[in-house]
PDB file of N, CA and C in Angstrom:
ATOM      1  N   MET A   1      58.214  32.046 117.777  1.00  0.00           N
ATOM      2  CA  MET A   1      56.426  32.982 117.952  1.00  0.00           C
ATOM      3  C   MET A   1      55.451  31.772 119.057  1.00  0.00           C
ATOM      4  N   LYS A   2      56.048  30.851 119.430  1.00  0.00           N
ATOM      5  CA  LYS A   2      55.519  30.154 120.673  1.00  0.00           C
ATOM      6  C   LYS A   2      56.022  31.193 121.440  1.00  0.00           C
ATOM      7  N   THR A   3      56.824  31.003 121.644  1.00  0.00           N
ATOM      8  CA  THR A   3      57.294  31.979 122.967  1.00  0.00           C
ATOM      9  C   THR A   3      56.556  33.182 122.927  1.00  0.00           C
ATOM     10  N   LEU A   4      56.466  34.175 121.970  1.00  0.00           N
ATOM     11  CA  LEU A   4      55.565  34.854 121.390  1.00  0.00           C
ATOM     12  C   LEU A   4      53.890  34.852 122.041  1.00  0.00           C
ATOM     13  N   SER A   5      53.048  34.447 121.271  1.00  0.00           N
ATOM     14  CA  SER A   5      51.960  34.206 121.484  1.00  0.00           C
ATOM     15  C   SER A   5      51.391  33.367 123.290  1.00  0.00           C
ATOM     16  N   ALA A   6      53.037  32.314 123.490  1.00  0.00           N
ATOM     17  CA  ALA A   6      52.625  31.861 124.882  1.00  0.00           C
ATOM     18  C   ALA A   6      52.658  33.217 125.796  1.00  0.00           C
ATOM     19  N   LEU A   7      53.491  34.285 125.893  1.00  0.00           N
ATOM     20  CA  LEU A   7      53.832  35.309 126.249  1.00  0.00           C
ATOM     21  C   LEU A   7      52.295  36.028 126.276  1.00  0.00           C
ATOM     22  N   ILE A   8      51.561  36.621 125.121  1.00  0.00           N
ATOM     23  CA  ILE A   8      50.548  37.418 125.242  1.00  0.00           C
ATOM     24  C   ILE A   8      49.457  36.564 125.562  1.00  0.00           C
ATOM     25  N   ALA A   9      49.358  34.906 125.924  1.00  0.00           N
ATOM     26  CA  ALA A   9      48.274  34.396 126.120  1.00  0.00           C
ATOM     27  C   ALA A   9      48.626  34.450 127.763  1.00  0.00           C
ATOM     28  N   VAL A  10      49.266  34.651 128.619  1.00  0.00           N
ATOM     29  CA  VAL A  10      49.616  34.738 129.695  1.00  0.00           C
ATOM     30  C   VAL A  10      49.388  36.614 130.482  1.00  0.00           C
ATOM     31  N   LEU A  11      50.103  37.130 129.626  1.00  0.00           N
ATOM     32  CA  LEU A  11      49.364  38.733 129.456  1.00  0.00           C
ATOM     33  C   LEU A  11      48.315  38.747 130.095  1.00  0.00           C
ATOM     34  N   PHE A  12      47.349  38.193 128.798  1.00  0.00           N
ATOM     35  CA  PHE A  12      45.717  38.298 128.976  1.00  0.00           C
ATOM     36  C   PHE A  12      44.937  37.617 129.814  1.00  0.00           C
ATOM     37  N   ALA A  13      45.392  36.647 130.328  1.00  0.00           N
ATOM     38  CA  ALA A  13      45.052  35.481 131.038  1.00  0.00           C
ATOM     39  C   ALA A  13      45.643  36.221 132.784  1.00  0.00           C
ATOM     40  N   SER A  14      46.616  36.794 133.133  1.00  0.00           N
ATOM     41  CA  SER A  14      46.633  37.384 134.123  1.00  0.00           C
ATOM     42  C   SER A  14      45.941  39.178 134.815  1.00  0.00           C
ATOM     43  N   ALA A  15      45.826  39.413 132.978  1.00  0.00           N
ATOM     44  CA  ALA A  15      44.736  40.846 133.213  1.00  0.00           C
ATOM     45  C   ALA A  15      43.268  40.408 133.773  1.00  0.00           C
ATOM     46  N   SER A  16      42.768  39.413 133.053  1.00  0.00           N
ATOM     47  CA  SER A  16      41.350  39.144 133.492  1.00  0.00           C
ATOM     48  C   SER A  16      40.789  38.061 134.567  1.00  0.00           C
ATOM     49  N   LEU A  17      42.037  37.792 134.670  1.00  0.00           N
ATOM     50  CA  LEU A  17      42.378  37.230 136.535  1.00  0.00           C
ATOM     51  C   LEU A  17      41.927  38.535 137.555  1.00  0.00           C
ATOM     52  N   THR A  18      43.246  39.767 137.365  1.00  0.00           N
ATOM     53  CA  THR A  18      43.345  40.941 138.719  1.00  0.00           C
ATOM     54  C   THR A  18      41.398  41.391 138.718  1.00  0.00           C
ATOM     55  N   VAL A  19      40.757  41.097 137.140  1.00  0.00           N
ATOM     56  CA  VAL A  19      39.764  41.788 136.989  1.00  0.00           C
ATOM     57  C   VAL A  19      38.560  40.712 137.872  1.00  0.00           C
ATOM     58  N   LEU A  20      38.592  39.944 137.950  1.00  0.00           N
ATOM     59  CA  LEU A  20      37.982  38.641 138.497  1.00  0.00           C
ATOM     60  C   LEU A  20      38.123  38.987 139.710  1.00  0.00           C
ATOM     61  N   ALA A  21      39.423  39.415 140.508  1.00  0.00           N
ATOM     62  CA  ALA A  21      39.850  38.715 142.071  1.00  0.00           C
ATOM     63  C   ALA A  21      39.670  40.647 142.550  1.00  0.00           C
ATOM     64  N   GLN A  22      39.362  41.751 141.438  1.00  0.00           N
ATOM     65  CA  GLN A  22      39.017  42.582 142.512  1.00  0.00           C
ATOM     66  C   GLN A  22      37.768  42.552 142.871  1.00  0.00           C
ATOM     67  N   ALA A  23      38.171  43.223 144.435  1.00  0.00           N
ATOM     68  CA  ALA A  23      36.552  43.388 145.365  1.00  0.00           C
ATOM     69  C   ALA A  23      35.933  44.126 145.080  1.00  0.00           C
ATOM     70  N   THR A  24      34.250  43.485 145.528  1.00  0.00           N
ATOM     71  CA  THR A  24      33.371  44.765 144.329  1.00  0.00           C
ATOM     72  C   THR A  24      33.713  46.280 144.991  1.00  0.00           C
ATOM     73  N   PRO A  25      33.000  47.574 144.576  1.00  0.00           N
ATOM     74  CA  PRO A  25      33.208  47.949 144.637  1.00  0.00           C
ATOM     75  C   PRO A  25      32.150  48.692 146.183  1.00  0.00           C
ATOM     76  N   ALA A  26      32.583  49.521 146.429  1.00  0.00           N
ATOM     77  CA  ALA A  26      32.060  50.049 147.794  1.00  0.00           C
ATOM     78  C   ALA A  26      30.843  50.652 147.322  1.00  0.00           C
ATOM     79  N   THR A  27      29.452  50.358 148.312  1.00  0.00           N
ATOM     80  CA  THR A  27      28.323  50.695 147.905  1.00  0.00           C
ATOM     81  C   THR A  27      28.682  52.508 148.523  1.00  0.00           C
ATOM     82  N   PRO A  28      28.006  53.324 147.705  1.00  0.00           N
ATOM     83  CA  PRO A  28      27.955  54.869 147.964  1.00  0.00           C
ATOM     84  C   PRO A  28      27.415  55.011 149.453  1.00  0.00           C
ATOM     85  N   ALA A  29      27.224  56.068 150.307  1.00  0.00           N
ATOM     86  CA  ALA A  29      26.989  56.404 151.695  1.00  0.00           C
ATOM     87  C   ALA A  29      25.681  56.638 150.932  1.00  0.00           C
ATOM     88  N   LYS A  30      24.898  56.179 152.514  1.00  0.00           N
ATOM     89  CA  LYS A  30      23.202  56.466 152.000  1.00  0.00           C
ATOM     90  C   LYS A  30      23.412  57.927 152.779  1.00  0.00           C
ATOM     91  N   PRO A  31      21.957  58.411 151.506  1.00  0.00           N
ATOM     92  CA  PRO A  31      22.085  59.752 152.128  1.00  0.00           C
ATOM     93  C   PRO A  31      21.505  60.418 153.360  1.00  0.00           C
ATOM     94  N   ALA A  32      21.530  61.086 153.953  1.00  0.00           N
ATOM     95  CA  ALA A  32      21.187  61.879 155.457  1.00  0.00           C
ATOM     96  C   ALA A  32      19.429  61.515 155.378  1.00  0.00           C
ATOM     97  N   GLU A  33      18.975  61.078 156.609  1.00  0.00           N
ATOM     98  CA  GLU A  33      17.280  61.492 156.733  1.00  0.00           C
ATOM     99  C   GLU A  33      17.062  62.824 156.905  1.00  0.00           C
ATOM    100  N   PRO A  34      15.753  63.326 155.640  1.00  0.00           N
ATOM    101  CA  PRO A  34      15.607  64.975 156.690  1.00  0.00           C
ATOM    102  C   PRO A  34      15.076  64.797 157.693  1.00  0.00           C
ATOM    103  N   ALA A  35      15.159  66.064 158.938  1.00  0.00           N
ATOM    104  CA  ALA A  35      15.042  65.798 160.044  1.00  0.00           C
ATOM    105  C   ALA A  35      13.227  66.086 160.343  1.00  0.00           C
ATOM    106  N   LYS A  36      13.230  65.034 161.072  1.00  0.00           N
ATOM    107  CA  LYS A  36      11.678  64.972 161.360  1.00  0.00           C
ATOM    108  C   LYS A  36      11.163  65.896 162.631  1.00  0.00           C
ATOM    109  N   PRO A  37      10.505  66.590 162.573  1.00  0.00           N
ATOM    110  CA  PRO A  37       9.624  67.711 164.153  1.00  0.00           C
ATOM    111  C   PRO A  37       9.142  67.019 165.075  1.00  0.00           C
ATOM    112  N   ALA A  38       9.558  67.496 166.342  1.00  0.00           N
ATOM    113  CA  ALA A  38       9.098  66.512 167.021  1.00  0.00           C
ATOM    114  C   ALA A  38       7.585  66.044 166.930  1.00  0.00           C
ATOM    115  N   ALA A  39       6.938  65.212 167.791  1.00  0.00           N
ATOM    116  CA  ALA A  39       5.800  65.012 167.593  1.00  0.00           C
ATOM    117  C   ALA A  39       5.111  65.731 168.596  1.00  0.00           C
ATOM    118  N   SER A  40       5.580  66.072 169.964  1.00  0.00           N
ATOM    119  CA  SER A  40       5.116  66.049 171.456  1.00  0.00           C
ATOM    120  C   SER A  40       5.349  67.570 171.181  1.00  0.00           C
ATOM    121  N   THR A  41       5.889  68.385 170.522  1.00  0.00           N
ATOM    122  CA  THR A  41       6.144  69.582 170.498  1.00  0.00           C
ATOM    123  C   THR A  41       5.475  70.620 169.910  1.00  0.00           C
ATOM    124  N   PRO A  42       4.310  70.918 169.175  1.00  0.00           N
ATOM    125  CA  PRO A  42       4.124  71.915 168.415  1.00  0.00           C
ATOM    126  C   PRO A  42       4.722  72.967 167.942  1.00  0.00           C
ATOM    127  N   ALA A  43       4.770  73.361 166.569  1.00  0.00           N
ATOM    128  CA  ALA A  43       5.611  74.505 166.016  1.00  0.00           C
ATOM    129  C   ALA A  43       4.816  75.924 166.636  1.00  0.00           C
ATOM    130  N   LYS A  44       6.043  76.824 166.875  1.00  0.00           N
ATOM    131  CA  LYS A  44       5.816  78.109 167.826  1.00  0.00           C
ATOM    132  C   LYS A  44       5.407  79.381 166.704  1.00  0.00           C
ATOM    133  N   ALA A  45       4.772  80.023 166.565  1.00  0.00           N
ATOM    134  CA  ALA A  45       4.755  81.022 166.030  1.00  0.00           C
ATOM    135  C   ALA A  45       5.651  82.145 166.132  1.00  0.00           C
ATOM    136  N   ALA A  46       6.053  82.656 164.787  1.00  0.00           N
ATOM    137  CA  ALA A  46       6.853  83.218 165.002  1.00  0.00           C
ATOM    138  C   ALA A  46       6.969  84.714 166.055  1.00  0.00           C
ATOM    139  N   THR A  47       7.671  85.146 166.324  1.00  0.00           N
ATOM    140  CA  THR A  47       6.805  86.499 167.366  1.00  0.00           C
ATOM    141  C   THR A  47       7.097  87.834 166.836  1.00  0.00           C
ATOM    142  N   PRO A  48       5.675  88.582 166.839  1.00  0.00           N
ATOM    143  CA  PRO A  48       5.625  89.660 165.686  1.00  0.00           C
ATOM    144  C   PRO A  48       6.500  90.533 165.616  1.00  0.00           C
ATOM    145  N   ALA A  49       6.819  91.455 164.573  1.00  0.00           N
ATOM    146  CA  ALA A  49       7.909  92.898 165.023  1.00  0.00           C
ATOM    147  C   ALA A  49       7.358  93.524 165.596  1.00  0.00           C
ATOM    148  N   VAL A  50       8.042  94.646 166.314  1.00  0.00           N
ATOM    149  CA  VAL A  50       7.815  95.491 167.001  1.00  0.00           C
ATOM    150  C   VAL A  50       8.261  96.813 166.871  1.00  0.00           C
ATOM    151  N   PRO A  51       7.395  97.879 166.688  1.00  0.00           N
ATOM    152  CA  PRO A  51       7.816  99.045 166.348  1.00  0.00           C
ATOM    153  C   PRO A  51       9.157  99.764 166.677  1.00  0.00           C
ATOM    154  N   ALA A  52       9.766 100.518 165.764  1.00  0.00           N
ATOM    155  CA  ALA A  52      10.609 101.125 166.547  1.00  0.00           C
ATOM    156  C   ALA A  52      10.521 102.205 166.977  1.00  0.00           C
ATOM    157  N   LYS A  53      10.918 102.299 167.984  1.00  0.00           N
ATOM    158  CA  LYS A  53      10.327 103.780 169.350  1.00  0.00           C
ATOM    159  C   LYS A  53      11.311 104.234 168.746  1.00  0.00           C
ATOM    160  N   PRO A  54      10.486 106.058 169.202  1.00  0.00           N
ATOM    161  CA  PRO A  54      11.337 107.101 169.028  1.00  0.00           C
ATOM    162  C   PRO A  54      12.114 107.160 169.809  1.00  0.00           C
ATOM    163  N   ALA A  55      13.498 108.506 169.053  1.00  0.00           N
ATOM    164  CA  ALA A  55      14.831 108.598 170.036  1.00  0.00           C
ATOM    165  C   ALA A  55      13.980 109.600 170.798  1.00  0.00           C
ATOM    166  N   ALA A  56      15.087 109.468 171.808  1.00  0.00           N
ATOM    167  CA  ALA A  56      14.430 110.618 173.066  1.00  0.00           C
ATOM    168  C   ALA A  56      14.728 112.186 172.797  1.00  0.00           C
ATOM    169  N   SER A  57      13.936 112.032 173.154  1.00  0.00           N
ATOM    170  CA  SER A  57      13.537 113.962 172.773  1.00  0.00           C
ATOM    171  C   SER A  57      14.851 114.755 173.317  1.00  0.00           C
ATOM    172  N   ALA A  58      15.133 116.179 172.690  1.00  0.00           N
ATOM    173  CA  ALA A  58      16.290 117.127 173.005  1.00  0.00           C
ATOM    174  C   ALA A  58      16.248 117.735 173.755  1.00  0.00           C
ATOM    175  N   THR A  59      15.324 117.937 174.713  1.00  0.00           N
ATOM    176  CA  THR A  59      14.941 118.202 176.124  1.00  0.00           C
ATOM    177  C   THR A  59      16.012 117.106 176.911  1.00  0.00           C
ATOM    178  N   THR A  60      14.829 116.027 177.542  1.00  0.00           N
ATOM    179  CA  THR A  60      15.606 115.505 178.180  1.00  0.00           C
ATOM    180  C   THR A  60      17.190 115.123 177.774  1.00  0.00           C
ATOM    181  N   ASP A  61      17.998 115.498 176.789  1.00  0.00           N
ATOM    182  CA  ASP A  61      18.979 114.827 176.328  1.00  0.00           C
ATOM    183  C   ASP A  61      20.133 115.954 177.199  1.00  0.00           C
ATOM    184  N   LYS A  62      19.333 117.468 176.532  1.00  0.00           N
ATOM    185  CA  LYS A  62      19.646 118.759 177.395  1.00  0.00           C
ATOM    186  C   LYS A  62      20.155 118.870 178.758  1.00  0.00           C
ATOM    187  N   LYS A  63      18.592 118.203 179.724  1.00  0.00           N
ATOM    188  CA  LYS A  63      18.859 118.393 180.750  1.00  0.00           C
ATOM    189  C   LYS A  63      19.683 116.919 181.362  1.00  0.00           C
ATOM    190  N   ALA A  64      20.398 116.618 180.684  1.00  0.00           N
ATOM    191  CA  ALA A  64      21.055 115.116 181.636  1.00  0.00           C
ATOM    192  C   ALA A  64      22.392 115.642 181.048  1.00  0.00           C
ATOM    193  N   GLU A  65      22.499 116.202 179.933  1.00  0.00           N
ATOM    194  CA  GLU A  65      23.775 117.029 179.843  1.00  0.00           C
ATOM    195  C   GLU A  65      23.903 117.917 181.242  1.00  0.00           C
ATOM    196  N   ALA A  66      23.264 118.683 181.603  1.00  0.00           N
ATOM    197  CA  ALA A  66      22.862 119.560 182.742  1.00  0.00           C
ATOM    198  C   ALA A  66      23.231 119.206 183.804  1.00  0.00           C
ATOM    199  N   GLN A  67      22.475 117.658 183.995  1.00  0.00           N
ATOM    200  CA  GLN A  67      23.098 117.570 185.345  1.00  0.00           C
ATOM    201  C   GLN A  67      24.585 116.927 185.276  1.00  0.00           C
ATOM    202  N   ALA A  68      25.008 116.173 184.233  1.00  0.00           N
ATOM    203  CA  ALA A  68      26.307 115.533 184.526  1.00  0.00           C
ATOM    204  C   ALA A  68      27.166 117.086 184.466  1.00  0.00           C
ATOM    205  N   LYS A  69      26.859 118.419 183.932  1.00  0.00           N
ATOM    206  CA  LYS A  69      27.864 119.296 184.244  1.00  0.00           C
ATOM    207  C   LYS A  69      27.939 120.087 185.839  1.00  0.00           C
ATOM    208  N   ALA A  70      26.809 119.554 186.353  1.00  0.00           N
ATOM    209  CA  ALA A  70      26.490 120.001 187.595  1.00  0.00           C
ATOM    210  C   ALA A  70      27.161 118.928 188.853  1.00  0.00           C
ATOM    211  N   ASP A  71      27.191 117.870 188.267  1.00  0.00           N
ATOM    212  CA  ASP A  71      27.879 116.903 189.033  1.00  0.00           C
ATOM    213  C   ASP A  71      29.425 116.827 188.984  1.00  0.00           C
ATOM    214  N   ALA A  72      29.891 116.984 187.716  1.00  0.00           N
ATOM    215  CA  ALA A  72      31.300 117.452 187.655  1.00  0.00           C
ATOM    216  C   ALA A  72      31.873 118.384 188.363  1.00  0.00           C
ATOM    217  N   LYS A  73      31.090 119.691 188.575  1.00  0.00           N
ATOM    218  CA  LYS A  73      31.695 121.252 188.966  1.00  0.00           C
ATOM    219  C   LYS A  73      31.226 120.388 190.442  1.00  0.00           C
ATOM    220  N   LYS A  74      30.568 119.980 191.195  1.00  0.00           N
ATOM    221  CA  LYS A  74      30.312 119.576 192.151  1.00  0.00           C
ATOM    222  C   LYS A  74      31.392 118.690 193.059  1.00  0.00           C
ATOM    223  N   ALA A  75      31.828 117.919 192.137  1.00  0.00           N
ATOM    224  CA  ALA A  75      32.828 116.756 192.277  1.00  0.00           C
ATOM    225  C   ALA A  75      34.389 117.924 192.430  1.00  0.00           C
ATOM    226  N   GLU A  76      34.648 118.856 191.047  1.00  0.00           N
ATOM    227  CA  GLU A  76      36.221 119.609 191.431  1.00  0.00           C
ATOM    228  C   GLU A  76      35.779 120.301 192.841  1.00  0.00           C
ATOM    229  N   ALA A  77      35.028 120.960 192.772  1.00  0.00           N
ATOM    230  CA  ALA A  77      34.731 121.799 194.361  1.00  0.00           C
ATOM    231  C   ALA A  77      34.692 120.746 195.348  1.00  0.00           C
ATOM    232  N   ALA A  78      34.447 120.076 195.239  1.00  0.00           N
ATOM    233  CA  ALA A  78      35.370 118.611 196.739  1.00  0.00           C
ATOM    234  C   ALA A  78      36.241 117.913 196.581  1.00  0.00           C
ATOM    235  N   ALA A  79      37.108 118.225 195.187  1.00  0.00           N
ATOM    236  CA  ALA A  79      38.443 117.820 195.336  1.00  0.00           C
ATOM    237  C   ALA A  79      39.226 119.165 195.527  1.00  0.00           C
ATOM    238  N   LYS A  80      38.447 120.042 195.287  1.00  0.00           N
ATOM    239  CA  LYS A  80      39.399 121.851 195.633  1.00  0.00           C
ATOM    240  C   LYS A  80      39.647 121.177 197.029  1.00  0.00           C
ATOM    241  N   LYS A  81      38.433 121.181 197.942  1.00  0.00           N
ATOM    242  CA  LYS A  81      38.501 120.909 199.080  1.00  0.00           C
ATOM    243  C   LYS A  81      39.343 120.423 199.931  1.00  0.00           C
ATOM    244  N   ALA A  82      39.317 119.050 199.474  1.00  0.00           N
ATOM    245  CA  ALA A  82      40.094 118.434 199.898  1.00  0.00           C
ATOM    246  C   ALA A  82      41.062 118.446 199.849  1.00  0.00           C
ATOM    247  N   GLU A  83      42.051 119.279 198.729  1.00  0.00           N
ATOM    248  CA  GLU A  83      43.563 119.429 198.714  1.00  0.00           C
ATOM    249  C   GLU A  83      43.825 120.700 199.345  1.00  0.00           C
ATOM    250  N   ALA A  84      43.444 121.528 199.798  1.00  0.00           N
ATOM    251  CA  ALA A  84      42.719 122.330 200.660  1.00  0.00           C
ATOM    252  C   ALA A  84      43.229 122.214 201.675  1.00  0.00           C
ATOM    253  N   LYS A  85      42.233 121.040 202.300  1.00  0.00           N
ATOM    254  CA  LYS A  85      42.704 120.395 203.581  1.00  0.00           C
ATOM    255  C   LYS A  85      43.654 120.102 203.821  1.00  0.00           C
ATOM    256  N   ALA A  86      44.588 118.551 202.937  1.00  0.00           N
ATOM    257  CA  ALA A  86      44.955 118.449 202.758  1.00  0.00           C
ATOM    258  C   ALA A  86      46.654 119.507 203.131  1.00  0.00           C
ATOM    259  N   LYS A  87      46.744 120.226 202.088  1.00  0.00           N
ATOM    260  CA  LYS A  87      47.802 121.065 202.610  1.00  0.00           C
ATOM    261  C   LYS A  87      47.519 122.077 204.242  1.00  0.00           C
ATOM    262  N   ALA A  88      46.179 121.985 204.373  1.00  0.00           N
ATOM    263  CA  ALA A  88      46.904 122.550 205.616  1.00  0.00           C
ATOM    264  C   ALA A  88      47.327 121.701 206.899  1.00  0.00           C
ATOM    265  N   ASP A  89      46.761 120.219 206.484  1.00  0.00           N
ATOM    266  CA  ASP A  89      46.725 118.897 207.441  1.00  0.00           C
ATOM    267  C   ASP A  89      48.309 119.537 207.010  1.00  0.00           C
ATOM    268  N   ALA A  90      49.227 119.052 205.810  1.00  0.00           N
ATOM    269  CA  ALA A  90      50.788 118.981 205.623  1.00  0.00           C
ATOM    270  C   ALA A  90      50.967 120.243 206.146  1.00  0.00           C
ATOM    271  N   LYS A  91      50.716 121.298 206.280  1.00  0.00           N
ATOM    272  CA  LYS A  91      51.153 122.526 207.213  1.00  0.00           C
ATOM    273  C   LYS A  91      51.139 122.546 208.610  1.00  0.00           C
ATOM    274  N   LYS A  92      50.358 122.026 209.313  1.00  0.00           N
ATOM    275  CA  LYS A  92      50.136 121.171 210.536  1.00  0.00           C
ATOM    276  C   LYS A  92      51.010 120.996 210.730  1.00  0.00           C
ATOM    277  N   ALA A  93      51.181 119.882 210.228  1.00  0.00           N
ATOM    278  CA  ALA A  93      52.291 118.522 210.606  1.00  0.00           C
ATOM    279  C   ALA A  93      53.920 118.933 210.345  1.00  0.00           C
ATOM    280  N   GLU A  94      53.528 119.594 209.709  1.00  0.00           N
ATOM    281  CA  GLU A  94      55.395 120.284 209.117  1.00  0.00           C
ATOM    282  C   GLU A  94      55.327 120.795 210.731  1.00  0.00           C
ATOM    283  N   ALA A  95      54.646 121.722 211.095  1.00  0.00           N
ATOM    284  CA  ALA A  95      55.223 122.398 212.422  1.00  0.00           C
ATOM    285  C   ALA A  95      54.896 121.151 213.723  1.00  0.00           C
ATOM    286  N   ALA A  96      54.356 120.605 213.849  1.00  0.00           N
ATOM    287  CA  ALA A  96      54.312 120.049 214.869  1.00  0.00           C
ATOM    288  C   ALA A  96      56.090 119.134 213.957  1.00  0.00           C
ATOM    289  N   ALA A  97      56.324 118.715 213.112  1.00  0.00           N
ATOM    290  CA  ALA A  97      57.490 117.678 212.917  1.00  0.00           C
ATOM    291  C   ALA A  97      58.187 118.858 213.518  1.00  0.00           C
ATOM    292  N   LYS A  98      58.717 120.149 213.356  1.00  0.00           N
ATOM    293  CA  LYS A  98      59.713 120.978 213.574  1.00  0.00           C
ATOM    294  C   LYS A  98      60.292 121.273 215.276  1.00  0.00           C
ATOM    295  N   LYS A  99      58.497 120.807 215.360  1.00  0.00           N
ATOM    296  CA  LYS A  99      58.522 120.941 217.229  1.00  0.00           C
ATOM    297  C   LYS A  99      59.528 119.679 217.370  1.00  0.00           C
ATOM    298  N   THR A 100      59.221 118.137 216.865  1.00  0.00           N
ATOM    299  CA  THR A 100      59.480 117.005 216.839  1.00  0.00           C
ATOM    300  C   THR A 100      60.327 116.700 216.887  1.00  0.00           C
ATOM    301  N   ASP A 101      61.349 117.633 216.016  1.00  0.00           N
ATOM    302  CA  ASP A 101      62.281 117.339 214.649  1.00  0.00           C
ATOM    303  C   ASP A 101      61.858 115.668 213.681  1.00  0.00           C
ATOM    304  N   ALA A 102      61.172 115.518 213.165  1.00  0.00           N
ATOM    305  CA  ALA A 102      61.038 114.579 212.729  1.00  0.00           C
ATOM    306  C   ALA A 102      61.084 114.728 211.180  1.00  0.00           C
ATOM    307  N   PRO A 103      61.475 113.817 210.425  1.00  0.00           N
ATOM    308  CA  PRO A 103      61.531 113.839 208.953  1.00  0.00           C
ATOM    309  C   PRO A 103      60.484 114.379 208.300  1.00  0.00           C
ATOM    310  N   LYS A 104      60.513 115.554 207.349  1.00  0.00           N
ATOM    311  CA  LYS A 104      59.687 116.443 206.685  1.00  0.00           C
ATOM    312  C   LYS A 104      58.819 115.359 205.515  1.00  0.00           C
ATOM    313  N   VAL A 105      60.125 114.108 204.878  1.00  0.00           N
ATOM    314  CA  VAL A 105      59.516 114.041 203.441  1.00  0.00           C
ATOM    315  C   VAL A 105      58.358 113.269 203.900  1.00  0.00           C
ATOM    316  N   ALA A 106      58.976 112.335 205.130  1.00  0.00           N
ATOM    317  CA  ALA A 106      57.399 111.464 205.245  1.00  0.00           C
ATOM    318  C   ALA A 106      56.415 112.370 205.439  1.00  0.00           C
ATOM    319  N   VAL A 107      55.883 113.141 206.534  1.00  0.00           N
ATOM    320  CA  VAL A 107      54.655 114.420 206.323  1.00  0.00           C
ATOM    321  C   VAL A 107      54.218 114.291 205.047  1.00  0.00           C
ATOM    322  N   LYS A 108      54.890 114.794 203.886  1.00  0.00           N
ATOM    323  CA  LYS A 108      54.404 115.341 203.081  1.00  0.00           C
ATOM    324  C   LYS A 108      53.947 114.357 202.348  1.00  0.00           C
ATOM    325  N   ALA A 109      54.993 113.003 201.811  1.00  0.00           N
ATOM    326  CA  ALA A 109      54.172 111.958 200.990  1.00  0.00           C
ATOM    327  C   ALA A 109      53.114 111.346 201.815  1.00  0.00           C
ATOM    328  N   ASP A 110      52.766 111.259 203.390  1.00  0.00           N
ATOM    329  CA  ASP A 110      51.170 110.951 203.839  1.00  0.00           C
ATOM    330  C   ASP A 110      50.194 111.866 203.469  1.00  0.00           C
ATOM    331  N   ALA A 111      50.575 113.907 203.928  1.00  0.00           N
ATOM    332  CA  ALA A 111      49.326 114.239 203.499  1.00  0.00           C
ATOM    333  C   ALA A 111      49.120 114.333 202.052  1.00  0.00           C
ATOM    334  N   LYS A 112      50.275 113.720 200.736  1.00  0.00           N
ATOM    335  CA  LYS A 112      49.247 113.618 199.281  1.00  0.00           C
ATOM    336  C   LYS A 112      48.473 112.648 198.779  1.00  0.00           C
ATOM    337  N   VAL A 113      49.165 111.410 200.083  1.00  0.00           N
ATOM    338  CA  VAL A 113      48.190 110.380 200.413  1.00  0.00           C
ATOM    339  C   VAL A 113      46.649 110.647 200.658  1.00  0.00           C
ATOM    340  N   ASP A 114      46.787 111.362 201.796  1.00  0.00           N
ATOM    341  CA  ASP A 114      45.669 111.823 202.720  1.00  0.00           C
ATOM    342  C   ASP A 114      44.822 112.320 201.261  1.00  0.00           C
ATOM    343  N   ALA A 115      44.998 113.303 200.466  1.00  0.00           N
ATOM    344  CA  ALA A 115      44.357 114.349 199.534  1.00  0.00           C
ATOM    345  C   ALA A 115      43.950 113.627 198.698  1.00  0.00           C
ATOM    346  N   LYS A 116      44.422 112.414 198.210  1.00  0.00           N
ATOM    347  CA  LYS A 116      44.129 111.399 197.080  1.00  0.00           C
ATOM    348  C   LYS A 116      42.950 110.682 197.555  1.00  0.00           C
ATOM    349  N   THR A 117      42.747 110.373 198.306  1.00  0.00           N
ATOM    350  CA  THR A 117      42.010 109.276 198.792  1.00  0.00           C
ATOM    351  C   THR A 117      40.647 109.898 199.466  1.00  0.00           C
ATOM    352  N   ASP A 118      40.895 111.044 199.665  1.00  0.00           N
ATOM    353  CA  ASP A 118      39.829 112.325 199.972  1.00  0.00           C
ATOM    354  C   ASP A 118      39.121 113.008 198.974  1.00  0.00           C
ATOM    355  N   ALA A 119      39.844 113.183 197.641  1.00  0.00           N
ATOM    356  CA  ALA A 119      39.165 113.288 196.279  1.00  0.00           C
ATOM    357  C   ALA A 119      38.587 112.020 195.879  1.00  0.00           C
ATOM    358  N   LYS A 120      38.810 111.001 196.477  1.00  0.00           N
ATOM    359  CA  LYS A 120      38.262 109.768 195.794  1.00  0.00           C
ATOM    360  C   LYS A 120      36.648 109.596 196.050  1.00  0.00           C
ATOM    361  N   LYS A 121      36.846 109.622 197.573  1.00  0.00           N
ATOM    362  CA  LYS A 121      35.720 109.165 198.171  1.00  0.00           C
ATOM    363  C   LYS A 121      34.639 110.406 197.675  1.00  0.00           C
ATOM    364  N   VAL A 122      34.964 111.836 197.697  1.00  0.00           N
ATOM    365  CA  VAL A 122      34.127 112.891 197.435  1.00  0.00           C
ATOM    366  C   VAL A 122      33.105 112.100 196.264  1.00  0.00           C
ATOM    367  N   ALA A 123      34.217 112.308 194.831  1.00  0.00           N
ATOM    368  CA  ALA A 123      34.306 112.127 193.382  1.00  0.00           C
ATOM    369  C   ALA A 123      33.353 111.207 193.074  1.00  0.00           C
ATOM    370  N   PRO A 124      31.803 110.878 192.769  1.00  0.00           N
ATOM    371  CA  PRO A 124      30.604 110.603 191.910  1.00  0.00           C
ATOM    372  C   PRO A 124      31.141 109.765 191.496  1.00  0.00           C
ATOM    373  N   MET A 125      30.538 107.899 191.961  1.00  0.00           N
ATOM    374  CA  MET A 125      31.318 106.775 190.739  1.00  0.00           C
ATOM    375  C   MET A 125      30.360 106.424 189.794  1.00  0.00           C
ATOM    376  N   LYS A 126      31.094 106.338 188.722  1.00  0.00           N
ATOM    377  CA  LYS A 126      30.037 106.590 187.449  1.00  0.00           C
ATOM    378  C   LYS A 126      30.128 104.819 187.109  1.00  0.00           C
TER     379      LYS A 126
END
């Protein structure tokens, strides 16, 4: 019985020592201070709302579409002219190649490149 009471006494003593020996709990973090407006810059008033602008009238849209179609037609016509010119140049080059016995494949390739570059020059930039 003496050993049991001694054991209980040691248990209580160690428990009380651990409670007293614990470090004090950490203090909670301080809350952040609210933002203070700068004293040198006064608050600006909000810009007033701007009323919505009415949509563009249908007549201006139709005019713009008509102008775009006309420009597209001009570009197609210019491309056709450039292609016809390239074909004519190719025929002339073939005729010259027959006279000089030059390879025909190189002449045709050059004519295609010229036709493409001429069409790009004439087409409007968007």
